[in-house]
């Protein structure tokens, strides 16, 4: 589907934006923008880093096993 530039600009719709489509009746549809996952594209961003092997993981416990003080 192609949205006119005016509508894209007005609502801040960018390339690759995904929508849920609901059929209301014959020839009438509702498009609802969906929220992309928070980390979408993160792996590609990290892989595109110009300096290889800059990321070093840390050894730690799984988050559900960490003791936290009661606040």
N, C-alpha and C. Protein backbone atom coordinates (compact mmCIF):
# COMPACT_ATOMS: atom_id res chain seq x y z
N UNK A 1 0.85 -1.17 0.00
CA UNK A 1 0.00 0.00 0.00
C UNK A 1 0.90 1.23 0.00
N UNK A 2 0.47 2.25 -0.66
CA UNK A 2 1.22 3.50 -0.72
C UNK A 2 0.39 4.58 -0.05
N UNK A 3 0.98 5.24 0.94
CA UNK A 3 0.32 6.38 1.57
C UNK A 3 0.84 7.66 0.94
N UNK A 4 -0.03 8.62 0.69
CA UNK A 4 0.43 9.89 0.13
C UNK A 4 1.44 10.57 1.06
N UNK A 5 2.39 11.28 0.46
CA UNK A 5 3.45 11.93 1.23
C UNK A 5 2.89 12.85 2.31
N UNK A 6 1.82 13.56 2.02
CA UNK A 6 1.22 14.47 3.01
C UNK A 6 0.78 13.74 4.26
N UNK A 7 0.17 12.57 4.09
CA UNK A 7 -0.25 11.77 5.26
C UNK A 7 0.94 11.21 6.00
N UNK A 8 1.95 10.75 5.26
CA UNK A 8 3.16 10.22 5.91
C UNK A 8 3.83 11.30 6.74
N UNK A 9 3.97 12.49 6.17
CA UNK A 9 4.61 13.59 6.89
C UNK A 9 3.79 14.01 8.11
N UNK A 10 2.49 14.10 7.94
CA UNK A 10 1.60 14.53 9.01
C UNK A 10 1.67 13.59 10.21
N UNK A 11 1.80 12.29 9.96
CA UNK A 11 1.77 11.30 11.04
C UNK A 11 3.14 10.72 11.36
N UNK A 12 4.19 11.19 10.69
CA UNK A 12 5.54 10.70 10.99
C UNK A 12 5.75 9.25 10.60
N UNK A 13 5.12 8.83 9.51
CA UNK A 13 5.27 7.45 9.04
C UNK A 13 6.55 7.36 8.22
N UNK A 14 7.42 6.44 8.61
CA UNK A 14 8.70 6.27 7.92
C UNK A 14 8.73 5.00 7.10
N UNK A 15 9.80 4.82 6.34
CA UNK A 15 9.96 3.61 5.53
C UNK A 15 9.92 2.36 6.41
N UNK A 16 9.23 1.36 5.97
CA UNK A 16 9.16 0.09 6.69
C UNK A 16 8.17 0.06 7.83
N UNK A 17 7.46 1.17 8.06
CA UNK A 17 6.45 1.20 9.14
C UNK A 17 5.44 0.10 8.88
N UNK A 18 5.08 -0.63 9.92
CA UNK A 18 4.12 -1.72 9.78
C UNK A 18 2.77 -1.30 10.35
N UNK A 19 1.71 -1.84 9.77
CA UNK A 19 0.35 -1.52 10.17
C UNK A 19 -0.47 -2.78 10.34
N UNK A 20 -1.44 -2.72 11.23
CA UNK A 20 -2.48 -3.75 11.29
C UNK A 20 -3.61 -3.22 10.42
N UNK A 21 -4.22 -4.11 9.65
CA UNK A 21 -5.31 -3.70 8.76
C UNK A 21 -6.57 -4.43 9.18
N UNK A 22 -7.63 -3.66 9.39
CA UNK A 22 -8.92 -4.23 9.79
C UNK A 22 -9.95 -3.86 8.72
N UNK A 23 -10.67 -4.84 8.25
CA UNK A 23 -11.72 -4.59 7.25
C UNK A 23 -12.98 -4.19 7.99
N UNK A 24 -13.47 -2.99 7.75
CA UNK A 24 -14.70 -2.52 8.39
C UNK A 24 -15.93 -2.89 7.58
N UNK A 25 -15.83 -2.74 6.28
CA UNK A 25 -16.88 -3.16 5.35
C UNK A 25 -16.27 -3.18 3.96
N UNK A 26 -17.04 -3.57 3.00
CA UNK A 26 -16.50 -3.68 1.64
C UNK A 26 -15.91 -2.33 1.19
N UNK A 27 -14.61 -2.35 0.88
CA UNK A 27 -13.93 -1.15 0.40
C UNK A 27 -13.53 -0.16 1.49
N UNK A 28 -13.81 -0.48 2.77
CA UNK A 28 -13.47 0.43 3.88
C UNK A 28 -12.58 -0.32 4.85
N UNK A 29 -11.37 0.22 5.07
CA UNK A 29 -10.39 -0.45 5.92
C UNK A 29 -9.83 0.53 6.94
N UNK A 30 -9.38 0.01 8.06
CA UNK A 30 -8.72 0.82 9.09
C UNK A 30 -7.27 0.35 9.20
N UNK A 31 -6.35 1.29 9.05
CA UNK A 31 -4.93 1.01 9.20
C UNK A 31 -4.49 1.57 10.55
N UNK A 32 -3.86 0.73 11.37
CA UNK A 32 -3.36 1.17 12.66
C UNK A 32 -1.87 0.87 12.72
N UNK A 33 -1.08 1.92 12.94
CA UNK A 33 0.37 1.74 13.02
C UNK A 33 0.71 0.88 14.23
N UNK A 34 1.63 -0.04 14.03
CA UNK A 34 2.08 -0.88 15.14
C UNK A 34 3.43 -0.37 15.61
N UNK A 35 3.72 -0.59 16.88
CA UNK A 35 4.99 -0.18 17.45
C UNK A 35 6.03 -1.25 17.14
N UNK A 36 7.17 -0.86 16.58
CA UNK A 36 8.22 -1.84 16.33
C UNK A 36 8.83 -2.29 17.65
N UNK A 37 9.38 -3.50 17.69
CA UNK A 37 10.08 -3.94 18.90
C UNK A 37 11.16 -2.94 19.27
N UNK A 38 11.39 -2.73 20.58
CA UNK A 38 12.35 -1.72 21.03
C UNK A 38 13.75 -1.94 20.49
N UNK A 39 14.15 -3.18 20.32
CA UNK A 39 15.52 -3.46 19.87
C UNK A 39 15.61 -3.74 18.38
N UNK A 40 14.59 -3.42 17.63
CA UNK A 40 14.59 -3.70 16.20
C UNK A 40 15.78 -2.98 15.55
N UNK A 41 16.55 -3.70 14.81
CA UNK A 41 17.68 -3.12 14.11
C UNK A 41 18.96 -3.03 14.94
N UNK A 42 18.90 -3.40 16.22
CA UNK A 42 20.07 -3.29 17.07
C UNK A 42 21.21 -4.18 16.60
N UNK A 43 20.90 -5.42 16.22
CA UNK A 43 21.95 -6.33 15.76
C UNK A 43 22.62 -5.78 14.51
N UNK A 44 21.83 -5.27 13.57
CA UNK A 44 22.43 -4.70 12.35
C UNK A 44 23.29 -3.49 12.69
N UNK A 45 22.86 -2.67 13.64
CA UNK A 45 23.65 -1.52 14.06
C UNK A 45 24.98 -1.97 14.65
N UNK A 46 24.95 -2.96 15.52
CA UNK A 46 26.19 -3.46 16.12
C UNK A 46 27.11 -4.10 15.08
N UNK A 47 26.52 -4.84 14.15
CA UNK A 47 27.34 -5.47 13.11
C UNK A 47 27.97 -4.45 12.16
N UNK A 48 27.34 -3.28 12.05
CA UNK A 48 27.85 -2.25 11.17
C UNK A 48 28.95 -1.41 11.81
N UNK A 49 29.25 -1.67 13.08
CA UNK A 49 30.28 -0.91 13.78
C UNK A 49 31.60 -1.05 13.02
N UNK A 50 32.28 0.07 12.75
CA UNK A 50 33.50 0.00 11.96
C UNK A 50 34.66 -0.68 12.69
N UNK A 51 34.63 -0.72 14.00
CA UNK A 51 35.72 -1.34 14.75
C UNK A 51 35.26 -2.71 15.24
N UNK A 52 35.87 -3.75 14.73
CA UNK A 52 35.46 -5.11 15.09
C UNK A 52 35.95 -5.47 16.49
N UNK A 53 35.20 -6.35 17.14
CA UNK A 53 35.53 -6.88 18.46
C UNK A 53 35.62 -5.81 19.55
N UNK A 54 34.90 -4.71 19.40
CA UNK A 54 34.94 -3.68 20.44
C UNK A 54 34.03 -4.03 21.61
N UNK A 55 33.02 -4.89 21.36
CA UNK A 55 32.08 -5.24 22.41
C UNK A 55 32.58 -6.45 23.17
N UNK A 56 32.62 -6.35 24.48
CA UNK A 56 33.05 -7.45 25.33
C UNK A 56 31.93 -7.69 26.34
N UNK A 57 31.35 -8.86 26.31
CA UNK A 57 30.29 -9.19 27.24
C UNK A 57 30.82 -9.37 28.65
N UNK A 58 29.95 -9.18 29.64
CA UNK A 58 30.32 -9.35 31.04
C UNK A 58 29.68 -10.61 31.59
N UNK A 59 30.40 -11.32 32.43
CA UNK A 59 29.81 -12.47 33.10
C UNK A 59 28.89 -11.96 34.20
N UNK A 60 27.69 -12.46 34.24
CA UNK A 60 26.76 -12.05 35.31
C UNK A 60 25.71 -13.14 35.48
N UNK A 61 24.97 -13.00 36.56
CA UNK A 61 23.89 -13.94 36.85
C UNK A 61 22.67 -13.55 36.01
N UNK A 62 21.80 -14.51 35.75
CA UNK A 62 20.54 -14.15 35.11
C UNK A 62 19.79 -13.14 35.97
N UNK A 63 19.09 -12.21 35.37
CA UNK A 63 18.46 -11.13 36.10
C UNK A 63 17.48 -11.60 37.16
N UNK A 64 16.83 -12.75 36.92
CA UNK A 64 15.85 -13.23 37.91
C UNK A 64 16.53 -13.85 39.13
N UNK A 65 17.86 -13.99 39.12
CA UNK A 65 18.56 -14.56 40.26
C UNK A 65 19.36 -13.52 41.05
N UNK A 66 19.27 -12.25 40.65
CA UNK A 66 20.01 -11.19 41.34
C UNK A 66 19.19 -10.72 42.53
N UNK A 67 19.82 -10.65 43.71
CA UNK A 67 19.16 -10.13 44.90
C UNK A 67 19.15 -8.62 44.84
N UNK A 68 17.97 -8.04 45.04
CA UNK A 68 17.87 -6.58 45.06
C UNK A 68 17.29 -6.17 46.41
N UNK A 69 17.76 -5.05 46.95
CA UNK A 69 17.22 -4.59 48.24
C UNK A 69 15.79 -4.10 48.07
N UNK A 70 15.00 -4.25 49.12
CA UNK A 70 13.63 -3.72 49.11
C UNK A 70 13.71 -2.21 49.29
N UNK A 71 13.15 -1.49 48.37
CA UNK A 71 13.18 -0.03 48.44
C UNK A 71 11.87 0.51 48.94
